[in-house]
Protein backbone atom coordinates (compact mmCIF):
# COMPACT_ATOMS: atom_id res chain seq x y z
CA MET A 1 11.41 14.52 -11.56
CA MET A 2 12.68 17.10 -13.51
CA GLY A 3 11.05 15.90 -16.98
CA ARG A 4 8.10 17.49 -18.70
CA ALA A 5 6.54 15.08 -21.02
CA GLY A 6 3.06 15.58 -19.13
CA ARG A 7 3.42 18.95 -18.46
CA LYS A 8 2.14 22.11 -20.47
CA HIS A 9 4.80 24.05 -21.00
CA ASP A 10 5.19 27.53 -23.55
CA GLY A 11 8.62 27.03 -24.61
CA SER A 12 9.85 29.34 -22.07
CA VAL A 13 13.28 28.06 -19.95
CA ALA A 14 12.29 26.24 -16.80
CA LYS A 15 13.18 26.36 -13.33
CA VAL A 16 14.14 23.02 -11.16
CA ASP A 17 14.76 22.85 -7.48
CA ILE A 18 17.12 19.97 -6.87
CA VAL A 19 16.99 19.14 -3.13
CA VAL A 20 20.27 16.99 -1.61
CA GLU A 21 21.33 15.98 1.76
CA GLU A 22 23.63 18.92 3.04
CA SER A 23 27.02 16.57 2.74
CA ASN A 24 26.56 16.21 -0.74
CA GLU A 25 25.55 19.76 -1.74
CA GLU A 26 29.72 20.58 -3.03
CA ALA A 27 29.70 17.24 -5.03
CA PHE A 28 26.31 18.15 -6.51
CA VAL A 29 27.31 21.77 -7.66
CA ASP A 30 30.78 20.81 -8.96
CA GLY A 31 29.33 18.06 -10.63
CA MET A 32 26.60 19.90 -12.25
CA GLN A 33 29.11 22.36 -13.51
CA ASP A 34 31.70 19.76 -15.39
CA ASP A 35 29.06 16.99 -15.78
CA SER A 36 30.93 14.53 -13.89
CA GLY A 37 29.11 11.78 -12.77
CA MET A 38 26.17 13.76 -13.20
CA ASP A 39 24.33 12.04 -16.26
CA VAL A 40 20.36 12.66 -15.59
CA LEU A 41 18.96 9.32 -17.19
CA SER A 42 15.02 8.73 -17.65
CA THR A 43 13.36 6.49 -15.93
CA LEU A 44 10.80 5.69 -17.92
CA THR A 45 12.75 2.73 -18.76
CA GLY A 46 9.44 -0.20 -19.32
CA VAL A 47 6.40 -1.55 -19.04
CA ASP A 48 5.45 -1.23 -15.39
CA ASP A 49 6.92 3.00 -15.64
CA LEU A 50 4.68 3.61 -18.57
CA THR A 51 1.88 2.09 -17.83
CA PHE A 52 1.37 3.85 -14.68
CA HIS A 53 2.49 7.17 -15.86
CA VAL A 54 0.27 6.81 -19.07
CA LEU A 55 -2.98 5.87 -16.97
CA GLY A 56 -2.62 9.47 -15.28
CA GLU A 57 -2.66 10.99 -18.71
CA ILE A 58 -6.09 8.98 -19.75
CA VAL A 59 -7.73 9.83 -16.95
CA THR A 60 -6.48 13.64 -17.37
CA GLY A 61 -7.94 13.59 -21.08
CA ASN A 62 -4.06 14.40 -22.23
CA ILE A 63 -4.01 10.87 -23.61
CA LYS A 64 -7.09 10.06 -25.85
CA ASP A 65 -5.67 7.28 -28.47
CA LYS A 66 -2.49 6.52 -29.95
CA ALA A 67 -1.87 9.70 -31.67
CA THR A 68 -1.82 11.53 -28.34
CA ALA A 69 0.17 8.50 -26.82
CA ARG A 70 3.00 8.95 -28.91
CA GLN A 71 2.60 12.94 -28.70
CA TRP A 72 3.24 12.38 -25.21
CA PHE A 73 5.94 10.24 -25.33
CA ALA A 74 8.15 12.31 -28.01
CA ARG A 75 8.09 14.98 -24.91
CA SER A 76 10.19 13.07 -22.56
CA LEU A 77 13.30 12.31 -21.64
CA ARG A 78 13.08 8.66 -22.47
CA ALA A 79 12.36 9.56 -26.17
CA LEU A 80 15.07 12.12 -26.13
CA GLN A 81 17.43 9.68 -25.55
CA GLY A 82 16.55 7.08 -27.84
CA GLY A 83 13.66 5.26 -26.05
CA LYS A 84 10.93 3.07 -27.80
CA PHE A 85 7.44 3.51 -27.40
CA ASP A 86 5.01 0.93 -28.38
CA PRO A 87 1.35 2.60 -27.51
CA ASP A 88 -0.62 -0.70 -28.52
CA GLU A 89 1.51 -2.66 -25.70
CA ILE A 90 0.86 -0.06 -23.02
CA PHE A 91 -2.82 -0.16 -23.47
CA GLU A 92 -2.74 -3.94 -23.99
CA THR A 93 -1.36 -3.84 -20.54
CA LEU A 94 -3.48 -1.50 -19.35
CA GLU A 95 -6.26 -3.27 -20.27
CA GLU A 96 -4.95 -6.62 -18.69
CA PHE A 97 -5.27 -4.53 -15.48
CA GLU A 98 -8.93 -3.49 -16.02
CA ALA A 99 -8.04 0.12 -15.99
CA VAL A 100 -8.76 1.15 -18.89
CA LYS A 101 -11.36 0.44 -22.34
CA THR A 102 -11.10 0.52 -25.92
CA HIS A 103 -13.70 2.42 -27.79
CA GLY A 104 -13.05 2.26 -31.23
CA ASN A 105 -9.69 4.41 -31.60
CA ARG A 106 -10.38 5.75 -28.04
CA ILE A 107 -9.16 4.82 -24.68
CA MET A 108 -10.90 5.59 -21.58
CA ALA A 109 -10.12 4.90 -17.87
CA THR A 110 -12.49 2.48 -15.82
CA PRO A 111 -13.23 3.14 -12.58
CA MET A 112 -10.62 0.50 -11.13
CA GLY A 113 -8.30 2.72 -13.03
CA GLU A 114 -9.41 6.13 -11.68
CA VAL A 115 -9.26 4.62 -8.09
CA ALA A 116 -5.68 3.84 -9.11
CA VAL A 117 -4.81 7.16 -10.31
CA SER A 118 -6.54 9.21 -7.79
CA PHE A 119 -4.76 7.16 -4.81
CA TYR A 120 -0.98 7.56 -6.64
CA PHE A 121 -1.11 3.65 -7.58
CA HIS A 122 -0.22 1.25 -9.77
CA PRO A 123 -2.91 -0.51 -11.85
CA ALA A 124 -1.58 -4.09 -11.42
CA ASP A 125 -1.53 -3.49 -7.52
CA VAL A 126 -5.10 -2.10 -7.59
CA LEU A 127 -6.22 -4.86 -9.85
CA MET A 128 -4.23 -7.63 -7.64
CA TRP A 129 -5.71 -6.09 -4.13
CA LYS A 130 -9.35 -6.08 -5.88
CA LEU A 131 -8.36 -10.42 -6.70
CA ASN A 132 -7.31 -10.81 -3.40
CA PHE A 133 -9.55 -9.25 -0.81
CA ASP A 134 -12.44 -11.21 -3.33
CA ASP A 135 -10.98 -14.35 -1.82
CA LEU A 136 -10.24 -13.23 1.55
CA PHE A 137 -14.01 -12.33 1.66
CA ASP A 138 -15.51 -15.46 -0.71
CA GLN A 139 -13.47 -17.76 2.01
CA GLY A 140 -14.34 -15.72 5.15
CA LEU A 141 -10.77 -15.11 6.28
CA GLU A 142 -11.14 -11.36 7.10
CA ASN A 143 -10.47 -12.14 10.66
CA ASP A 144 -7.81 -14.84 10.19
CA GLU A 145 -4.19 -13.99 11.91
CA VAL A 146 -2.30 -14.03 8.40
CA ALA A 147 -4.35 -13.98 5.27
CA PRO A 148 -5.12 -10.04 5.54
CA ALA A 149 -1.84 -9.44 5.36
CA TRP A 150 -1.49 -11.69 2.27
CA ALA A 151 -4.10 -9.72 0.33
CA LEU A 152 -2.63 -6.73 1.32
CA GLY A 153 1.50 -8.16 0.64
CA SER A 154 1.09 -10.02 -2.61
CA ILE A 155 1.31 -7.74 -4.89
CA PRO A 156 3.79 -7.42 -8.09
CA CYS A 157 4.42 -3.40 -7.68
CA GLY A 158 4.64 -1.36 -5.07
CA ARG A 159 6.13 -3.86 -2.43
CA ALA A 160 8.99 -3.64 0.19
CA THR A 161 11.94 -6.08 0.07
CA GLY A 162 14.85 -6.34 2.08
CA ASP A 163 16.77 -8.97 4.34
CA LEU A 164 15.46 -10.01 7.33
CA GLY A 165 19.24 -11.07 8.76
CA SER A 166 18.56 -13.44 11.89
CA SER A 167 15.12 -13.04 11.95
CA ARG A 168 14.88 -15.24 8.43
CA TRP A 169 12.73 -17.32 10.53
CA ILE A 170 9.61 -15.32 10.58
CA VAL A 171 9.41 -15.46 6.48
CA ASN A 172 8.67 -19.32 6.86
CA ASP A 173 6.56 -19.05 10.08
CA CYS A 174 4.21 -16.43 7.96
CA LEU A 175 4.33 -18.65 4.85
CA ASN A 176 3.25 -21.28 7.07
CA LYS A 177 0.05 -19.55 8.69
CA ILE A 178 -1.33 -18.46 5.45
CA PRO A 179 -4.56 -20.84 4.60
CA ALA A 180 -4.30 -23.32 2.34
CA GLY A 181 -5.26 -22.20 -0.79
CA LEU A 182 -3.89 -19.03 -0.68
CA GLN A 183 -0.53 -18.51 -2.77
CA VAL A 184 1.96 -15.47 -2.49
CA MET A 185 2.98 -14.01 -5.72
CA ASP A 186 6.72 -14.53 -6.56
CA GLY A 187 8.93 -12.07 -4.50
CA ALA A 188 6.08 -10.87 -2.21
CA LEU A 189 6.52 -12.89 0.52
CA ILE A 190 8.76 -10.48 2.39
CA ASN A 191 6.22 -7.91 1.61
CA THR A 192 3.47 -10.24 3.09
CA THR A 193 5.68 -11.28 6.25
CA LEU A 194 5.98 -7.01 6.79
CA TRP A 195 2.23 -6.62 6.98
CA TRP A 196 1.98 -9.35 9.27
CA HIS A 197 4.17 -7.82 11.69
CA CYS A 198 2.43 -4.59 11.02
CA MET A 199 -0.90 -6.63 12.08
CA GLY A 200 0.75 -8.14 15.45
CA GLY A 201 3.46 -10.64 13.94
CA PRO A 202 6.70 -10.85 15.13
CA PRO A 203 9.57 -8.45 15.25
CA VAL A 204 11.32 -8.21 11.89
CA GLY A 205 14.59 -6.93 13.00
CA LYS A 206 16.91 -4.77 10.56
CA LEU A 207 13.39 -4.17 8.52
CA LYS A 208 11.50 -2.20 11.29
CA ASN A 209 11.97 1.19 10.07
CA VAL A 210 10.56 -0.47 6.48
CA ALA A 211 7.84 -1.56 8.13
CA LEU A 212 7.03 1.45 9.71
CA SER A 213 7.08 3.48 6.52
CA MET A 214 4.59 0.75 5.36
CA ARG A 215 2.29 1.38 8.93
CA LYS A 216 2.39 5.42 8.30
CA ASP A 217 1.40 4.91 4.60
CA PHE A 218 -1.34 2.63 5.99
CA SER A 219 -4.13 5.35 5.50
CA ARG A 220 -3.95 5.99 1.89
CA ILE A 221 -3.92 2.31 1.45
CA ARG A 222 -7.17 2.07 3.37
CA ALA A 223 -8.85 5.05 1.56
CA LEU A 224 -7.99 3.44 -1.76
CA LEU A 225 -9.47 -0.17 -0.72
CA THR A 226 -13.09 2.02 0.54
CA VAL A 227 -13.51 3.71 -2.81
CA LEU A 228 -12.68 0.26 -4.63
CA ASP A 229 -15.22 -1.29 -2.35
CA MET A 230 -18.01 1.64 -3.42
CA LYS A 231 -17.02 1.94 -7.22
CA VAL A 232 -16.21 -1.22 -8.33
CA ALA A 233 -15.77 -4.48 -6.10
CA GLN A 234 -19.50 -3.92 -4.44
CA TRP A 235 -17.87 -5.68 -0.92
CA GLY A 236 -19.74 -3.63 1.47
CA MET A 237 -16.75 -3.59 3.59
CA ARG A 238 -15.95 -0.18 4.63
CA ASP A 239 -16.19 -1.16 8.58
CA TYR A 240 -14.12 -3.65 8.06
CA PHE A 241 -11.12 -1.93 6.38
CA ASP A 242 -11.72 0.56 9.17
CA ASP A 243 -10.97 -2.61 11.67
CA LEU A 244 -8.38 -3.26 9.76
CA GLU A 245 -6.56 0.12 10.10
CA LEU A 246 -6.60 -0.24 13.62
CA ARG A 247 -4.91 -3.45 13.77
CA VAL A 248 -2.00 -1.75 11.66
CA LYS A 249 -2.48 1.31 14.10
CA LYS A 250 -2.10 -0.59 16.98
CA ALA A 251 0.13 -3.92 15.50
CA VAL A 252 -2.71 -5.99 17.18
CA GLY A 253 -3.91 -9.64 15.45
CA PRO A 254 -7.43 -10.16 15.55
CA GLU A 255 -7.90 -11.79 18.71
CA LEU A 256 -7.43 -8.00 20.60
CA LEU A 257 -9.08 -6.23 17.89
CA ASP A 258 -12.45 -5.68 19.67
CA LEU A 259 -10.93 -4.61 22.99
CA CYS A 260 -8.46 -1.88 21.36
CA LYS A 261 -11.99 -0.62 19.82
CA LEU A 262 -12.65 0.35 23.63
CA ASN A 263 -11.98 4.07 24.67
CA GLY A 264 -9.07 4.10 26.35
CA ILE A 265 -7.39 0.48 26.00
CA SER A 266 -3.72 0.44 24.91
CA LYS A 267 -2.48 -2.36 23.71
CA GLY A 268 -0.85 -3.34 26.58
CA GLN A 269 -3.78 -3.64 28.65
CA ALA A 270 -5.66 -5.24 25.47
CA VAL A 271 -2.78 -7.90 25.99
CA TYR A 272 -3.42 -8.03 30.07
CA LEU A 273 -7.20 -8.61 29.47
CA TYR A 274 -7.20 -11.47 26.94
CA ASN A 275 -4.71 -13.45 28.91
CA VAL A 276 -7.06 -13.44 31.87
CA GLY A 277 -10.04 -14.16 29.74
CA VAL A 278 -11.49 -11.08 28.57
CA THR A 279 -12.35 -10.70 24.90
CA ASN A 280 -15.08 -7.62 24.36
CA ILE A 281 -16.76 -5.62 26.56
CA GLN A 282 -19.59 -8.10 27.48
CA GLU A 283 -16.92 -10.05 29.30
CA LEU A 284 -15.48 -6.98 31.14
CA ARG A 285 -18.64 -6.20 32.40
CA GLU A 286 -18.33 -9.79 34.11
CA GLN A 287 -14.90 -9.71 35.20
CA ALA A 288 -14.69 -6.02 35.97
CA ASP A 289 -15.04 -7.25 40.01
CA ASN A 290 -12.00 -10.18 39.58
CA ILE A 291 -9.67 -7.60 38.07
CA ASP A 292 -10.24 -5.24 40.82
CA GLY A 293 -6.93 -4.80 42.55
CA GLU A 294 -4.99 -6.65 40.23
CA VAL A 295 -4.15 -3.73 37.94
CA ASP A 296 -3.07 -0.03 38.98
CA GLU A 297 -6.07 2.45 39.83
CA ARG A 298 -5.70 4.60 36.31
CA PHE A 299 -6.13 1.18 34.79
CA MET A 300 -8.86 0.20 36.78
CA GLU A 301 -10.41 3.51 36.33
CA THR A 302 -10.48 2.77 32.74
CA ILE A 303 -12.10 -0.41 33.26
CA ARG A 304 -15.26 1.25 35.45
CA ARG A 305 -16.20 4.13 32.72
CA LEU A 306 -16.57 1.18 30.15
CA VAL A 307 -18.32 -1.18 32.23
CA ARG A 308 -20.92 1.82 33.14
C-alpha cells in the first residue's frame, strides 16, 4: 500500500508507516537497512487488479480517456518495474463488466461501476451478484435453503478458499442441495459452502474463522445489494436483503427466519419452537398454553409478551 499512482503529489518527500507484528520488527528493520529480502514488488500484475483500480480513478474523474489512463499508470510502481499497460484491454474488460461506457474518446462509469467503487468491490463480482440474484428472483428461489448462498458465493474475484479437512463432505452436500439450473462458477464451491454455513448450514471445521470474517463483512454486501437494487437492478427486494442479513447474523435457515424476527427470541429458542410445530407468531399464539410449563420461566415470559 505504499504506491502513489493515484495520489496527488507535489514532489516532496513522502512518509510511509509500515505496520508489522512486534515479533517481526527487528527482522524488518534489519532488512530495510541492507535490502536483504525486502524487495517491494507491485501488485498491479494482472487485468483483475488493474480493472479494479482503474475503475476507481474513472469514478473520481482522474481517468477520463486513454491518455489520462496512461498518465496514471506511468506514476505507478508497476510502470517503474517495467510493467505494461494496455488501456484498450482494461476499458474493454470494464465494459464487459457493465462498469463503464465510452462516449467517443471519453470513458465514464455506469451506475453499476459507481456502486462497485462506493462499496470497494471488484466490478466483476458486482455484475455476477446482479446476474445471480436476477436468476434467484426469476425462479422464486429466494427462500430456498442453499440458493441464496449460491447467489452470494458464485463470484469470480472476492471469494474465500481453503481446505475443509475432515469436513469436505459438506461441499458435496452443498452442491447436491443447489437447485437444478443454478451453476456454481469454477473455483467458487468452497465460497458458496461457507455462505451456506453462515446461513444455518453445517459446521465448516477449520474454516470457521474464515466464515466468521465473511459474516462480519456481510453488512457491507447487504448495503451494496440494496443500492444495486435501487440504482441498477430494480428488484424491489430491500426487505428481502434485510431478512438475508438476519439469516447471516443468526446463522439460521429460512424455516427459522420468522421466529428469529420476533423480539427476544434466540436461535436456540427458535429451534425449540420449530420442533414443537411453531413457525410464526400466529402459531405461537395458538400453542402458547401448550408450551407453558415445558420451558423455563424466562423463555415463557418472552412468549407471553409476544402473544399479548
